[in-house]
Protein backbone atom coordinates (compact mmCIF):
# COMPACT_ATOMS: atom_id res chain seq x y z
CA MET A 1 -47.04 -113.86 -18.70
CA THR A 2 -46.01 -114.47 -22.31
CA SER A 3 -42.25 -114.64 -22.77
CA GLY A 4 -40.86 -111.35 -24.06
CA ILE A 5 -43.32 -109.07 -22.27
CA ILE A 6 -41.71 -106.74 -19.71
CA VAL A 7 -43.60 -104.61 -17.18
CA GLN A 8 -42.37 -101.00 -17.16
CA LYS A 9 -43.20 -97.91 -15.12
CA ASN A 10 -46.55 -96.14 -15.16
CA GLY A 11 -48.54 -99.20 -16.23
CA LEU A 12 -46.69 -99.52 -19.55
CA PHE A 13 -45.07 -102.56 -21.17
CA ALA A 14 -42.16 -103.40 -23.44
CA LEU A 15 -41.80 -106.24 -25.93
CA ARG A 16 -38.36 -107.84 -26.23
CA ILE A 17 -37.47 -108.97 -29.74
CA VAL A 18 -34.66 -111.49 -30.21
CA GLY A 19 -32.58 -111.42 -33.37
CA CYS A 20 -29.85 -113.82 -34.44
CA CYS A 21 -27.19 -113.34 -31.76
CA GLY A 22 -27.43 -109.57 -32.01
CA GLN A 23 -27.97 -109.37 -35.78
CA PHE A 24 -31.15 -108.02 -37.37
CA THR A 25 -31.83 -107.73 -41.07
CA ALA A 26 -32.67 -104.37 -42.62
CA ALA A 27 -36.22 -105.62 -43.20
CA GLU A 28 -36.57 -106.60 -39.54
CA LEU A 29 -35.34 -103.19 -38.41
CA LEU A 30 -37.81 -101.43 -40.69
CA THR A 31 -40.61 -103.58 -39.28
CA LEU A 32 -39.51 -102.82 -35.72
CA GLY A 33 -39.61 -99.11 -36.52
CA LYS A 34 -43.15 -99.33 -37.86
CA LEU A 35 -44.33 -101.32 -34.82
CA ALA A 36 -42.71 -98.79 -32.48
CA GLN A 37 -44.56 -95.98 -34.23
CA GLN A 38 -47.83 -97.88 -34.14
CA PHE A 39 -47.81 -99.24 -30.59
CA GLY A 40 -45.01 -97.62 -28.59
CA LYS A 41 -43.14 -94.36 -28.22
CA GLY A 42 -41.67 -94.34 -31.70
CA CYS A 43 -38.24 -95.63 -30.71
CA VAL A 44 -36.54 -98.98 -30.17
CA THR A 45 -34.01 -99.68 -27.41
CA ALA A 46 -31.07 -102.06 -27.88
CA THR A 47 -30.20 -104.25 -24.87
CA SER A 48 -26.84 -105.48 -23.63
CA ARG A 49 -27.61 -108.96 -25.01
CA GLY A 50 -28.22 -107.72 -28.52
CA THR A 51 -32.01 -107.81 -28.38
CA MET A 52 -34.41 -104.96 -29.19
CA GLU A 53 -37.25 -103.65 -27.06
CA LEU A 54 -40.41 -101.87 -28.20
CA GLU A 55 -41.16 -99.62 -25.24
CA GLY A 56 -44.07 -97.62 -23.90
CA ILE A 57 -46.92 -99.93 -24.92
CA SER A 58 -50.17 -99.38 -23.05
CA GLU A 59 -52.11 -102.28 -21.55
CA ALA A 60 -54.90 -101.71 -24.09
CA GLU A 61 -52.43 -102.01 -26.97
CA LEU A 62 -50.44 -104.93 -25.53
CA GLU A 63 -52.40 -107.81 -27.04
CA PRO A 64 -52.57 -106.24 -30.54
CA ALA A 65 -48.85 -105.43 -30.34
CA VAL A 66 -47.95 -109.02 -29.45
CA ALA A 67 -50.10 -110.28 -32.32
CA ALA A 68 -48.47 -107.84 -34.75
CA VAL A 69 -44.97 -108.89 -33.69
CA LYS A 70 -45.80 -112.55 -34.23
CA GLU A 71 -47.53 -111.86 -37.55
CA ALA A 72 -44.40 -110.04 -38.72
CA GLY A 73 -42.33 -113.16 -38.04
CA LEU A 74 -40.25 -111.53 -35.32
CA ARG A 75 -39.07 -113.61 -32.36
CA LEU A 76 -40.64 -112.46 -29.09
CA GLY A 77 -38.80 -113.77 -26.01
CA GLY A 78 -35.58 -113.51 -24.01
CA THR A 79 -37.21 -113.31 -20.58
CA GLY A 80 -38.14 -115.64 -17.73
CA ALA A 81 -36.43 -118.75 -16.36
CA THR A 82 -34.91 -119.75 -19.68
CA VAL A 83 -31.67 -119.87 -21.61
CA ARG A 84 -31.44 -116.29 -22.83
CA ALA A 85 -30.36 -114.92 -26.20
CA VAL A 86 -26.79 -115.98 -26.96
CA VAL A 87 -24.39 -113.03 -27.06
CA ALA A 88 -21.67 -112.75 -29.72
CA CYS A 89 -18.99 -110.12 -30.12
CA LYS A 90 -18.03 -108.73 -33.54
CA GLY A 91 -15.20 -111.20 -33.91
CA THR A 92 -16.48 -112.55 -37.22
CA SER A 93 -15.75 -109.22 -38.92
CA CYS A 94 -13.44 -107.53 -36.39
CA ARG A 95 -9.77 -107.59 -37.37
CA ARG A 96 -8.92 -108.95 -33.91
CA GLY A 97 -11.38 -111.83 -34.13
CA MET A 98 -9.70 -115.23 -34.13
CA PHE A 99 -12.61 -117.32 -35.51
CA ASP A 100 -16.16 -117.08 -36.86
CA VAL A 101 -17.81 -115.97 -33.63
CA HIS A 102 -21.27 -115.47 -35.08
CA ALA A 103 -21.39 -118.95 -36.62
CA MET A 104 -20.62 -120.61 -33.27
CA ALA A 105 -23.02 -118.37 -31.37
CA SER A 106 -25.82 -119.01 -33.87
CA SER A 107 -25.31 -122.76 -33.58
CA LEU A 108 -25.53 -122.59 -29.79
CA ASP A 109 -28.57 -120.33 -30.02
CA ARG A 110 -30.39 -122.85 -32.21
CA GLN A 111 -29.61 -125.65 -29.78
CA PHE A 112 -30.24 -124.01 -26.41
CA TYR A 113 -32.16 -120.73 -26.64
CA GLY A 114 -35.45 -120.79 -24.74
CA GLN A 115 -34.85 -123.97 -22.77
CA ASP A 116 -36.35 -123.96 -19.27
CA VAL A 117 -33.83 -123.61 -16.42
CA PRO A 118 -34.17 -122.87 -12.68
CA LYS A 119 -33.69 -119.10 -13.09
CA LYS A 120 -31.93 -117.84 -16.22
CA PHE A 121 -28.84 -118.88 -18.13
CA LYS A 122 -26.60 -116.68 -20.24
CA ILE A 123 -24.18 -117.86 -22.93
CA GLY A 124 -21.61 -115.61 -24.58
CA VAL A 125 -19.16 -116.26 -27.41
CA PHE A 126 -16.16 -113.95 -27.80
CA GLY A 127 -13.35 -113.73 -30.31
CA CYS A 128 -10.27 -112.27 -28.60
CA ILE A 129 -8.72 -111.28 -25.29
CA ASN A 130 -10.40 -107.86 -25.38
CA SER A 131 -13.70 -109.52 -24.40
CA LEU A 132 -12.30 -111.46 -21.46
CA GLY A 133 -14.34 -109.44 -18.95
CA LYS A 134 -17.53 -110.11 -20.87
CA ALA A 135 -16.76 -113.82 -21.05
CA MET A 136 -16.29 -113.87 -17.28
CA ALA A 137 -19.75 -112.33 -16.77
CA GLN A 138 -21.67 -115.19 -18.45
CA ASP A 139 -23.03 -118.42 -17.03
CA VAL A 140 -20.92 -119.92 -19.80
CA GLY A 141 -18.45 -117.67 -21.60
CA ILE A 142 -16.54 -119.11 -24.55
CA MET A 143 -13.16 -117.80 -25.64
CA PRO A 144 -10.43 -118.99 -28.03
CA SER A 145 -7.62 -120.73 -26.20
CA PHE A 146 -4.42 -118.70 -26.02
CA THR A 147 -2.30 -121.76 -25.27
CA SER A 148 -3.77 -124.18 -27.84
CA PRO A 149 -4.48 -122.39 -31.14
CA GLY A 150 -7.71 -123.51 -32.79
CA TYR A 151 -9.20 -124.68 -29.49
CA PHE A 152 -11.57 -123.03 -27.00
CA GLU A 153 -11.88 -122.61 -23.24
CA LEU A 154 -14.82 -121.88 -20.96
CA TYR A 155 -15.58 -119.48 -18.13
CA VAL A 156 -18.41 -120.82 -15.99
CA GLY A 157 -20.67 -119.30 -13.35
CA GLY A 158 -20.16 -115.62 -14.07
CA LEU A 159 -22.64 -113.02 -12.83
CA SER A 160 -23.21 -109.31 -13.39
CA GLY A 161 -26.06 -107.46 -11.70
CA SER A 162 -26.13 -106.56 -8.00
CA ARG A 163 -23.80 -109.40 -6.94
CA PRO A 164 -21.21 -109.69 -9.68
CA ALA A 165 -18.85 -112.66 -9.77
CA ARG A 166 -16.15 -113.69 -12.21
CA GLY A 167 -16.75 -116.90 -14.05
CA ARG A 168 -14.30 -119.65 -13.15
CA HIS A 169 -11.84 -120.55 -15.87
CA ILE A 170 -12.13 -124.15 -17.06
CA ALA A 171 -8.63 -124.45 -18.46
CA VAL A 172 -9.29 -127.48 -20.66
CA PRO A 173 -8.86 -126.63 -24.37
CA LEU A 174 -11.75 -128.08 -26.38
CA PRO A 175 -12.19 -128.44 -30.15
CA GLN A 176 -15.07 -126.46 -31.58
CA GLU A 177 -17.20 -129.56 -32.20
CA LYS A 178 -17.17 -130.33 -28.45
CA ILE A 179 -18.30 -126.92 -27.20
CA ALA A 180 -22.03 -127.66 -27.48
CA ASP A 181 -21.56 -130.91 -25.55
CA ALA A 182 -19.90 -129.01 -22.70
CA VAL A 183 -22.64 -126.37 -22.65
CA ARG A 184 -25.33 -129.06 -22.69
CA PHE A 185 -23.72 -130.85 -19.75
CA ILE A 186 -23.59 -127.64 -17.70
CA ILE A 187 -27.23 -126.80 -18.44
CA GLU A 188 -28.34 -130.32 -17.53
CA LEU A 189 -26.34 -130.16 -14.30
CA TYR A 190 -27.96 -126.83 -13.49
CA CYS A 191 -31.45 -128.21 -14.11
CA GLN A 192 -30.78 -131.31 -12.01
CA GLN A 193 -29.22 -129.52 -9.03
CA GLY A 194 -30.77 -126.04 -9.06
CA LYS A 195 -34.07 -124.72 -7.76
CA TYR A 196 -35.79 -121.40 -8.46
CA PRO A 197 -34.53 -118.70 -7.98
CA GLN A 198 -30.94 -120.01 -7.89
CA ARG A 199 -28.51 -118.92 -10.58
CA LEU A 200 -25.91 -121.38 -11.76
CA ARG A 201 -23.15 -119.80 -9.64
CA ALA A 202 -25.14 -120.29 -6.43
CA VAL A 203 -25.72 -123.94 -7.31
CA LEU A 204 -22.05 -124.58 -8.05
CA ASP A 205 -20.75 -122.75 -4.98
CA GLY A 206 -23.24 -124.61 -2.80
CA LYS A 207 -21.95 -127.97 -4.04
CA PRO A 208 -18.23 -127.63 -4.84
CA ASP A 209 -18.06 -131.15 -6.26
CA LEU A 210 -20.10 -129.88 -9.21
CA TRP A 211 -17.16 -127.72 -10.29
CA GLU A 212 -15.07 -130.89 -10.34
CA GLN A 213 -17.73 -132.68 -12.42
CA ILE A 214 -17.59 -129.93 -15.05
CA GLU A 215 -13.81 -130.00 -15.24
CA ARG A 216 -13.79 -133.80 -15.39
CA TYR A 217 -16.37 -133.85 -18.18
CA CYS A 218 -14.40 -131.29 -20.17
CA ARG A 219 -11.28 -133.40 -19.82
CA GLN A 220 -13.25 -136.38 -21.15
CA LEU A 221 -14.41 -134.32 -24.13
CA ALA A 222 -10.85 -133.22 -24.78
CA GLY A 223 -9.76 -136.86 -24.87
């Protein structure tokens, strides 16, 4: 099935539209509203990862709806065994934010969104201690370091859902320019060692030496 199509109840479908790390322009929102009126139930639902879903689309209208979304230049996706939409908190504009959260998240989104992985892979970027719980719930959660100002630390292997688990803290402060390298290494490790339908946490817990590889690589990046 095309990425971004979600089966709902009663033979209906939803289309998941991915913005820029939770941001949509006014023009995009107006277009989403028109498409919801034309093909769905007249409303749009926001997801926990900052995407939007056009709900209540009948099977007969599904193909025309997909075509209309693509013609409008909207990004259909955020499903399947892929790197999902990167989540960003409001730290760029929030008075508690310690850095430009959206800029980092957008950069990671451009580099990794949509890549094939064994199951799914979630990245989150957060700007202050108030989002610690959210950072711990990501496959890779990124937070500013509270011991080394201007640096960042990772939480790896977090899960929400039916079997929640806290991401493990990789207490190696990294400069911003090394964050993408660390994320890339973790994704590559996941792809090499994991098999469908394993999430990253299951892979790492099944082979504890992989945790050590991640920490060792981060130390190398930190110099």
